[in-house]
Amino acid sequence: MLLRLGLLLCVVALSGAASVRVSVKAGEPNCEIYLLPICTREFIPACGSDGKTYSNECMLCLENMEKRSSVSIFRSGTC
């Protein structure tokens, strides 16, 4: 019983600490928060100003870095 209570408290504490991002904001991507060239595989689509859908903001930032471009986020979601 005590073990279950301890596990429950750990789950509650960890779930509150993990912030889950479900969308991106239109405008300039916040590339400084990513450890490029490493991006996670989470799917939080962003429509780039180039008309291409990126799987997440980090992937848009990576493409900007690799191609020396300045694609911004047109809107959250697919294009």
N, C-alpha and C. Protein backbone atom coordinates (compact mmCIF):
# COMPACT_ATOMS: atom_id res chain seq x y z
N MET A 1 0.83 -1.19 0.00
CA MET A 1 0.00 0.00 0.00
C MET A 1 0.88 1.26 0.00
N LEU A 2 1.89 1.26 0.83
CA LEU A 2 2.79 2.41 0.91
C LEU A 2 3.56 2.58 -0.41
N LEU A 3 3.91 1.46 -1.03
CA LEU A 3 4.61 1.51 -2.31
C LEU A 3 3.72 2.14 -3.39
N ARG A 4 2.46 1.77 -3.41
CA ARG A 4 1.52 2.34 -4.39
C ARG A 4 1.37 3.84 -4.20
N LEU A 5 1.28 4.26 -2.96
CA LEU A 5 1.15 5.68 -2.67
C LEU A 5 2.40 6.44 -3.13
N GLY A 6 3.56 5.86 -2.88
CA GLY A 6 4.82 6.47 -3.31
C GLY A 6 4.90 6.58 -4.82
N LEU A 7 4.50 5.51 -5.52
CA LEU A 7 4.51 5.54 -6.98
C LEU A 7 3.52 6.57 -7.52
N LEU A 8 2.37 6.65 -6.91
CA LEU A 8 1.37 7.62 -7.33
C LEU A 8 1.88 9.05 -7.17
N LEU A 9 2.53 9.32 -6.06
CA LEU A 9 3.09 10.65 -5.83
C LEU A 9 4.18 10.98 -6.85
N CYS A 10 5.00 9.99 -7.19
CA CYS A 10 6.04 10.21 -8.20
C CYS A 10 5.44 10.52 -9.57
N VAL A 11 4.41 9.78 -9.94
CA VAL A 11 3.76 10.00 -11.23
C VAL A 11 3.14 11.39 -11.29
N VAL A 12 2.47 11.79 -10.23
CA VAL A 12 1.85 13.12 -10.19
C VAL A 12 2.91 14.21 -10.26
N ALA A 13 3.99 14.04 -9.53
CA ALA A 13 5.05 15.05 -9.52
C ALA A 13 5.71 15.16 -10.89
N LEU A 14 5.99 14.04 -11.52
CA LEU A 14 6.64 14.05 -12.83
C LEU A 14 5.73 14.56 -13.93
N SER A 15 4.47 14.23 -13.86
CA SER A 15 3.56 14.70 -14.91
C SER A 15 3.35 16.20 -14.83
N GLY A 16 3.40 16.75 -13.65
CA GLY A 16 3.27 18.19 -13.50
C GLY A 16 4.51 18.92 -13.95
N ALA A 17 5.65 18.28 -13.87
CA ALA A 17 6.91 18.92 -14.24
C ALA A 17 7.13 18.92 -15.75
N ALA A 18 6.54 17.97 -16.43
CA ALA A 18 6.73 17.87 -17.88
C ALA A 18 5.72 18.75 -18.60
N SER A 19 6.22 19.76 -19.28
CA SER A 19 5.31 20.61 -20.04
C SER A 19 5.25 20.08 -21.47
N VAL A 20 4.07 19.90 -21.96
CA VAL A 20 3.87 19.36 -23.30
C VAL A 20 3.41 20.48 -24.21
N ARG A 21 4.12 20.68 -25.26
CA ARG A 21 3.79 21.72 -26.22
C ARG A 21 2.93 21.11 -27.32
N VAL A 22 1.80 21.69 -27.60
CA VAL A 22 0.91 21.11 -28.59
C VAL A 22 0.75 21.97 -29.84
N SER A 23 1.33 23.15 -29.85
CA SER A 23 1.27 23.98 -31.05
C SER A 23 2.45 24.95 -31.05
N VAL A 24 2.65 25.58 -32.17
CA VAL A 24 3.70 26.59 -32.29
C VAL A 24 3.04 27.93 -32.59
N LYS A 25 3.76 29.00 -32.32
CA LYS A 25 3.24 30.34 -32.59
C LYS A 25 3.74 30.82 -33.95
N ALA A 26 2.88 31.55 -34.64
CA ALA A 26 3.27 32.13 -35.93
C ALA A 26 4.34 33.19 -35.69
N GLY A 27 5.21 33.34 -36.66
CA GLY A 27 6.28 34.34 -36.57
C GLY A 27 7.64 33.69 -36.65
N GLU A 28 8.62 34.35 -36.09
CA GLU A 28 9.98 33.83 -36.12
C GLU A 28 10.11 32.63 -35.19
N PRO A 29 10.72 31.54 -35.65
CA PRO A 29 10.91 30.37 -34.78
C PRO A 29 11.91 30.68 -33.66
N ASN A 30 11.71 30.05 -32.53
CA ASN A 30 12.59 30.24 -31.38
C ASN A 30 13.69 29.16 -31.42
N CYS A 31 14.64 29.32 -32.31
CA CYS A 31 15.66 28.29 -32.55
C CYS A 31 16.69 28.18 -31.43
N GLU A 32 16.80 29.18 -30.60
CA GLU A 32 17.81 29.17 -29.54
C GLU A 32 17.55 28.09 -28.49
N ILE A 33 16.32 27.60 -28.40
CA ILE A 33 16.00 26.61 -27.35
C ILE A 33 16.35 25.18 -27.76
N TYR A 34 16.77 24.98 -29.01
CA TYR A 34 17.06 23.63 -29.50
C TYR A 34 18.57 23.39 -29.57
N LEU A 35 18.95 22.13 -29.40
CA LEU A 35 20.35 21.73 -29.50
C LEU A 35 20.60 21.20 -30.91
N LEU A 36 20.53 22.10 -31.87
CA LEU A 36 20.69 21.71 -33.27
C LEU A 36 22.07 21.09 -33.49
N PRO A 37 22.19 20.04 -34.26
CA PRO A 37 21.26 19.47 -35.21
C PRO A 37 20.39 18.35 -34.65
N ILE A 38 20.21 18.29 -33.36
CA ILE A 38 19.41 17.22 -32.76
C ILE A 38 17.99 17.72 -32.51
N CYS A 39 17.02 17.06 -33.15
CA CYS A 39 15.61 17.39 -32.95
C CYS A 39 14.86 16.14 -32.52
N THR A 40 13.82 16.34 -31.71
CA THR A 40 12.99 15.21 -31.29
C THR A 40 12.05 14.83 -32.44
N ARG A 41 11.43 13.68 -32.31
CA ARG A 41 10.54 13.19 -33.36
C ARG A 41 9.07 13.46 -33.05
N GLU A 42 8.79 14.35 -32.11
CA GLU A 42 7.40 14.66 -31.79
C GLU A 42 6.75 15.40 -32.96
N PHE A 43 5.47 15.12 -33.19
CA PHE A 43 4.77 15.72 -34.32
C PHE A 43 3.91 16.87 -33.82
N ILE A 44 4.45 18.08 -33.98
CA ILE A 44 3.74 19.32 -33.66
C ILE A 44 3.91 20.18 -34.91
N PRO A 45 3.10 19.91 -35.94
CA PRO A 45 3.34 20.51 -37.25
C PRO A 45 3.33 22.03 -37.26
N ALA A 46 4.19 22.57 -38.11
CA ALA A 46 4.28 24.01 -38.32
C ALA A 46 4.32 24.25 -39.82
N CYS A 47 3.48 25.16 -40.28
CA CYS A 47 3.46 25.54 -41.69
C CYS A 47 4.46 26.66 -41.88
N GLY A 48 5.48 26.43 -42.68
CA GLY A 48 6.51 27.43 -42.92
C GLY A 48 6.07 28.47 -43.94
N SER A 49 6.73 29.60 -43.91
CA SER A 49 6.42 30.67 -44.86
C SER A 49 6.77 30.28 -46.29
N ASP A 50 7.46 29.15 -46.46
CA ASP A 50 7.80 28.63 -47.78
C ASP A 50 6.74 27.66 -48.30
N GLY A 51 5.64 27.48 -47.53
CA GLY A 51 4.57 26.59 -47.95
C GLY A 51 4.81 25.13 -47.62
N LYS A 52 5.87 24.82 -46.92
CA LYS A 52 6.22 23.45 -46.56
C LYS A 52 5.79 23.18 -45.12
N THR A 53 5.26 21.97 -44.86
CA THR A 53 4.91 21.58 -43.51
C THR A 53 6.12 20.92 -42.85
N TYR A 54 6.50 21.43 -41.70
CA TYR A 54 7.61 20.87 -40.91
C TYR A 54 7.01 20.08 -39.76
N SER A 55 7.63 18.97 -39.40
CA SER A 55 7.07 18.12 -38.35
C SER A 55 7.07 18.81 -36.99
N ASN A 56 7.97 19.75 -36.78
CA ASN A 56 7.97 20.56 -35.56
C ASN A 56 8.87 21.78 -35.78
N GLU A 57 8.84 22.69 -34.83
CA GLU A 57 9.61 23.93 -34.94
C GLU A 57 11.11 23.66 -35.06
N CYS A 58 11.59 22.66 -34.35
CA CYS A 58 13.01 22.33 -34.39
C CYS A 58 13.45 21.93 -35.81
N MET A 59 12.61 21.17 -36.50
CA MET A 59 12.95 20.76 -37.86
C MET A 59 12.99 21.96 -38.81
N LEU A 60 12.12 22.93 -38.58
CA LEU A 60 12.16 24.17 -39.36
C LEU A 60 13.47 24.90 -39.09
N CYS A 61 13.85 24.97 -37.83
CA CYS A 61 15.12 25.63 -37.46
C CYS A 61 16.31 24.91 -38.08
N LEU A 62 16.27 23.59 -38.07
CA LEU A 62 17.36 22.80 -38.65
C LEU A 62 17.49 23.08 -40.15
N GLU A 63 16.37 23.13 -40.84
CA GLU A 63 16.41 23.43 -42.27
C GLU A 63 16.95 24.84 -42.51
N ASN A 64 16.54 25.79 -41.69
CA ASN A 64 17.08 27.15 -41.82
C ASN A 64 18.59 27.15 -41.63
N MET A 65 19.07 26.38 -40.66
CA MET A 65 20.50 26.33 -40.39
C MET A 65 21.25 25.67 -41.55
N GLU A 66 20.74 24.54 -42.03
CA GLU A 66 21.43 23.80 -43.08
C GLU A 66 21.43 24.53 -44.42
N LYS A 67 20.32 25.19 -44.74
CA LYS A 67 20.20 25.86 -46.04
C LYS A 67 20.46 27.36 -45.97
N ARG A 68 20.83 27.82 -44.77
CA ARG A 68 21.09 29.25 -44.55
C ARG A 68 19.93 30.11 -45.07
N SER A 69 18.73 29.66 -44.68
CA SER A 69 17.52 30.38 -45.09
C SER A 69 16.88 31.03 -43.87
N SER A 70 15.78 31.70 -44.08
CA SER A 70 15.10 32.37 -42.97
C SER A 70 13.60 32.14 -43.05
N VAL A 71 13.22 30.87 -43.15
CA VAL A 71 11.80 30.51 -43.18
C VAL A 71 11.20 30.79 -41.81
N SER A 72 10.06 31.45 -41.79
CA SER A 72 9.37 31.70 -40.53
C SER A 72 8.15 30.79 -40.44
N ILE A 73 7.48 30.82 -39.31
CA ILE A 73 6.29 30.00 -39.11
C ILE A 73 5.08 30.81 -39.57
N PHE A 74 4.41 30.32 -40.61
CA PHE A 74 3.23 30.99 -41.13
C PHE A 74 2.04 30.76 -40.20
N ARG A 75 1.88 29.50 -39.77
CA ARG A 75 0.82 29.16 -38.82
C ARG A 75 1.10 27.80 -38.20
N SER A 76 0.43 27.52 -37.11
CA SER A 76 0.50 26.22 -36.46
C SER A 76 -0.31 25.22 -37.29
N GLY A 77 0.17 24.01 -37.38
CA GLY A 77 -0.54 22.98 -38.14
C GLY A 77 0.07 22.78 -39.52
N THR A 78 -0.58 21.95 -40.31
CA THR A 78 -0.07 21.65 -41.64
C THR A 78 -0.44 22.75 -42.62
N CYS A 79 0.29 22.82 -43.70
CA CYS A 79 0.03 23.84 -44.74
C CYS A 79 -1.15 23.44 -45.62
